[in-house]
Amino acid sequence: MSSENNSDEIPVDVVSENEPDSSEESKLTEITIEELSKLLELEKQKVSEHEEKLKHVLADFQNLNRKTQSDIENGVNTKIDKFVLDFLKIYDDFIRAKDVFSESKVNSDGLNSILKNMNSLLKKYNVSPIDALGEIFDPNFHEAISTITDSNLDDNTITKEIRKGYISKNRVIRPTLVEISKKG
C-alpha cells in the first residue's frame, strides 16, 4: 500500500533564526551603508584637517628656511664687510704713501704695482668706489663733514671728496666723506 499521501513524513517549512528575512536584511544594509557614509565623511574631515595642518607646517618650514638662509647670508656679508673695511684702511695708507713718494719725486713703481694688485682684488670681489665729486649729496652713500658757501653751485652739491667711499653688491661698505655746498 504505497501511496504518496500516506507517507510517514510531514512536510514542514523550516525558517532559520540566524537568517533575517528580506525586509530585515534590507534594513541592515541601509544601516550599514548609512553608518559607513557617516564614517567616510568623518574620515574626509580628518583628512582635510590634516592637509590644512600639513600646509601650515610646510609654509612655516619654508619661512624658517628662507629666514635661516637670509640670516646666514647677512652674517657672512657682515664678516666680509668688516674684513673689507680693514683692508680699505691699509689700501688708503698705500695711496697716501704713493702720493707722498710722488710729491717727493721718489720712485713709487713698487707701490703702484701693489695698488694695482689691490685694485684687482677689490674688483674681483665686486667692491667699487662711490663716485661723489660733483654729485648731489645722498645720505645713503655720503657723509657730509663740512659745508662751503658757493652761489654758483646748487645746494648739497659735493665739492670735495675727503675720504673715498665703497659699495659692494648694492651695500655701502663705507660712505664717502664729503664737503657740500650751500647757496649764499
Protein backbone atom coordinates (compact mmCIF):
# COMPACT_ATOMS: atom_id res chain seq x y z
CA MET A 1 0.00 0.00 0.00
CA SER A 2 2.02 2.60 -1.04
CA SER A 3 0.67 5.90 -1.73
CA GLU A 4 2.27 9.22 -1.80
CA ASN A 5 -0.14 10.82 0.60
CA ASN A 6 0.22 8.16 3.17
CA SER A 7 3.86 8.72 3.87
CA ASP A 8 5.13 8.99 7.41
CA GLU A 9 6.88 12.27 6.65
CA ILE A 10 5.25 15.56 7.39
CA PRO A 11 6.09 18.42 5.10
CA VAL A 12 7.42 21.39 7.12
CA ASP A 13 8.68 24.78 6.05
CA VAL A 14 11.85 25.43 8.07
CA VAL A 15 12.76 29.01 8.87
CA SER A 16 16.21 29.63 10.33
CA GLU A 17 16.55 32.10 13.18
CA ASN A 18 20.03 33.16 12.08
CA GLU A 19 18.98 34.35 8.68
CA PRO A 20 16.91 37.51 8.57
CA ASP A 21 14.05 37.75 6.24
CA SER A 22 14.48 40.00 3.23
CA SER A 23 12.98 43.12 4.89
CA GLU A 24 15.31 42.80 7.87
CA GLU A 25 18.24 42.25 5.54
CA SER A 26 17.36 45.42 3.67
CA LYS A 27 17.22 47.42 6.92
CA LEU A 28 20.62 46.08 7.99
CA THR A 29 22.11 47.01 4.63
CA GLU A 30 20.66 50.51 4.86
CA ILE A 31 22.03 50.99 8.37
CA THR A 32 25.42 49.71 7.36
CA ILE A 33 25.57 51.98 4.31
CA GLU A 34 24.37 54.91 6.40
CA GLU A 35 26.97 54.23 9.09
CA LEU A 36 29.68 53.75 6.51
CA SER A 37 28.74 57.01 4.81
CA LYS A 38 28.98 58.82 8.15
CA LEU A 39 32.33 57.22 8.86
CA LEU A 40 33.54 58.15 5.40
CA GLU A 41 32.53 61.79 5.93
CA LEU A 42 34.30 61.84 9.31
CA GLU A 43 37.44 60.46 7.72
CA LYS A 44 37.22 63.01 4.91
CA GLN A 45 37.03 65.79 7.52
CA LYS A 46 40.03 64.37 9.35
CA VAL A 47 42.00 64.17 6.10
CA SER A 48 41.04 67.75 5.27
CA GLU A 49 42.13 68.94 8.74
CA HIS A 50 45.43 67.08 8.44
CA GLU A 51 46.00 68.52 4.97
CA GLU A 52 45.48 72.05 6.36
CA LYS A 53 47.86 71.36 9.24
CA LEU A 54 50.40 69.96 6.79
CA LYS A 55 50.10 73.05 4.58
CA HIS A 56 50.68 75.32 7.60
CA VAL A 57 53.66 73.27 8.76
CA LEU A 58 55.11 73.32 5.23
CA ALA A 59 54.63 77.10 5.00
CA ASP A 60 56.27 77.54 8.42
CA PHE A 61 59.17 75.36 7.30
CA GLN A 62 59.63 77.34 4.08
CA ASN A 63 59.54 80.63 6.02
CA LEU A 64 62.07 79.30 8.52
CA ASN A 65 64.27 78.08 5.69
CA ARG A 66 64.18 81.50 3.97
CA LYS A 67 64.90 83.30 7.26
CA THR A 68 67.77 80.94 8.07
CA GLN A 69 69.27 81.44 4.60
CA SER A 70 68.88 85.21 4.95
CA ASP A 71 70.47 85.19 8.42
CA ILE A 72 73.40 83.13 7.17
CA GLU A 73 73.85 85.38 4.15
CA ASN A 74 73.67 88.53 6.30
CA GLY A 75 76.16 87.06 8.76
CA VAL A 76 78.62 86.20 6.00
CA ASN A 77 78.16 89.62 4.38
CA THR A 78 78.75 91.36 7.72
CA LYS A 79 82.01 89.46 8.23
CA ILE A 80 83.13 90.19 4.68
CA ASP A 81 82.24 93.88 5.08
CA LYS A 82 84.31 94.08 8.29
CA PHE A 83 87.26 92.48 6.53
CA VAL A 84 86.93 94.82 3.54
CA LEU A 85 86.77 97.84 5.88
CA ASP A 86 90.03 96.76 7.50
CA PHE A 87 91.54 96.15 4.06
CA LEU A 88 90.42 99.61 2.88
CA LYS A 89 92.31 101.26 5.77
CA ILE A 90 95.51 99.61 4.54
CA TYR A 91 94.60 100.49 0.94
CA ASP A 92 94.16 104.16 1.94
CA ASP A 93 97.57 104.10 3.64
CA PHE A 94 99.17 102.77 0.46
CA ILE A 95 97.52 105.53 -1.60
CA ARG A 96 98.75 108.20 0.84
CA ALA A 97 102.27 106.72 0.78
CA LYS A 98 102.24 106.72 -3.05
CA ASP A 99 101.11 110.36 -3.08
CA VAL A 100 103.90 111.35 -0.68
CA PHE A 101 106.50 109.48 -2.73
CA SER A 102 105.22 111.08 -5.93
CA GLU A 103 105.43 114.58 -4.40
CA SER A 104 108.95 113.86 -3.18
CA LYS A 105 109.99 112.62 -6.63
CA VAL A 106 110.81 109.18 -5.17
CA ASN A 107 110.33 106.11 -7.34
CA SER A 108 106.92 104.64 -6.44
CA ASP A 109 106.77 101.86 -9.02
CA GLY A 110 106.65 99.20 -6.28
CA LEU A 111 103.69 100.91 -4.61
CA ASN A 112 101.97 101.31 -7.97
CA SER A 113 102.29 97.57 -8.55
CA ILE A 114 100.89 96.77 -5.09
CA LEU A 115 98.00 99.21 -5.61
CA LYS A 116 97.28 97.62 -8.97
CA ASN A 117 97.02 94.20 -7.26
CA MET A 118 94.79 95.68 -4.55
CA ASN A 119 92.53 97.24 -7.18
CA SER A 120 92.26 93.86 -8.91
CA LEU A 121 91.34 92.22 -5.61
CA LEU A 122 88.64 94.81 -4.91
CA LYS A 123 87.25 94.39 -8.41
CA LYS A 124 87.28 90.59 -8.08
CA TYR A 125 85.03 90.85 -5.02
CA ASN A 126 82.75 93.49 -6.57
CA VAL A 127 83.93 96.30 -4.32
CA SER A 128 83.81 99.56 -6.22
CA PRO A 129 84.40 103.18 -5.24
CA ILE A 130 81.48 105.57 -4.90
CA ASP A 131 81.86 108.46 -7.30
CA ALA A 132 80.88 111.57 -5.40
CA LEU A 133 82.62 114.67 -6.73
CA GLY A 134 80.12 116.97 -8.45
CA GLU A 135 77.15 114.77 -7.48
CA ILE A 136 74.21 115.79 -5.29
CA PHE A 137 74.58 114.73 -1.66
CA ASP A 138 72.82 111.41 -0.89
CA PRO A 139 72.89 110.35 2.78
CA ASN A 140 72.71 106.71 1.68
CA PHE A 141 76.15 106.99 0.06
CA HIS A 142 77.77 110.11 1.50
CA GLU A 143 78.59 111.57 4.88
CA ALA A 144 78.90 115.36 4.93
CA ILE A 145 81.52 116.63 7.34
CA SER A 146 81.78 120.22 6.16
CA THR A 147 79.99 122.82 4.07
CA ILE A 148 81.09 125.77 1.96
CA THR A 149 79.08 128.67 0.65
CA ASP A 150 79.08 128.95 -3.12
CA SER A 151 76.38 130.85 -5.01
CA ASN A 152 77.45 129.25 -8.32
CA LEU A 153 76.53 125.70 -7.18
CA ASP A 154 73.21 124.10 -6.29
CA ASP A 155 72.56 123.27 -2.65
CA ASN A 156 74.06 119.98 -1.49
CA THR A 157 76.48 119.62 -4.40
CA ILE A 158 79.57 117.68 -3.38
CA THR A 159 82.57 119.98 -3.83
CA LYS A 160 85.30 117.87 -2.25
CA GLU A 161 85.86 114.20 -1.53
CA ILE A 162 87.69 113.86 1.78
CA ARG A 163 87.72 110.05 2.01
CA LYS A 164 86.67 107.63 -0.72
CA GLY A 165 83.58 105.50 -0.07
CA TYR A 166 82.97 101.98 -1.32
CA ILE A 167 80.00 99.87 -2.26
CA SER A 168 79.63 96.13 -2.77
CA LYS A 169 76.60 94.28 -4.11
CA ASN A 170 74.35 97.33 -3.57
CA ARG A 171 75.51 97.66 0.05
CA VAL A 172 77.51 100.64 1.22
CA ILE A 173 80.58 99.30 2.96
CA ARG A 174 81.95 102.73 3.75
CA PRO A 175 80.26 106.07 2.93
CA THR A 176 82.23 108.77 1.18
CA LEU A 177 83.24 111.65 3.45
CA VAL A 178 82.41 114.83 1.58
CA GLU A 179 82.22 118.59 1.67
CA ILE A 180 78.96 120.02 0.31
CA SER A 181 77.88 123.43 -0.94
CA LYS A 182 75.22 125.81 0.32
CA LYS A 183 73.94 128.78 -1.63
CA GLY A 184 74.97 132.07 -0.08
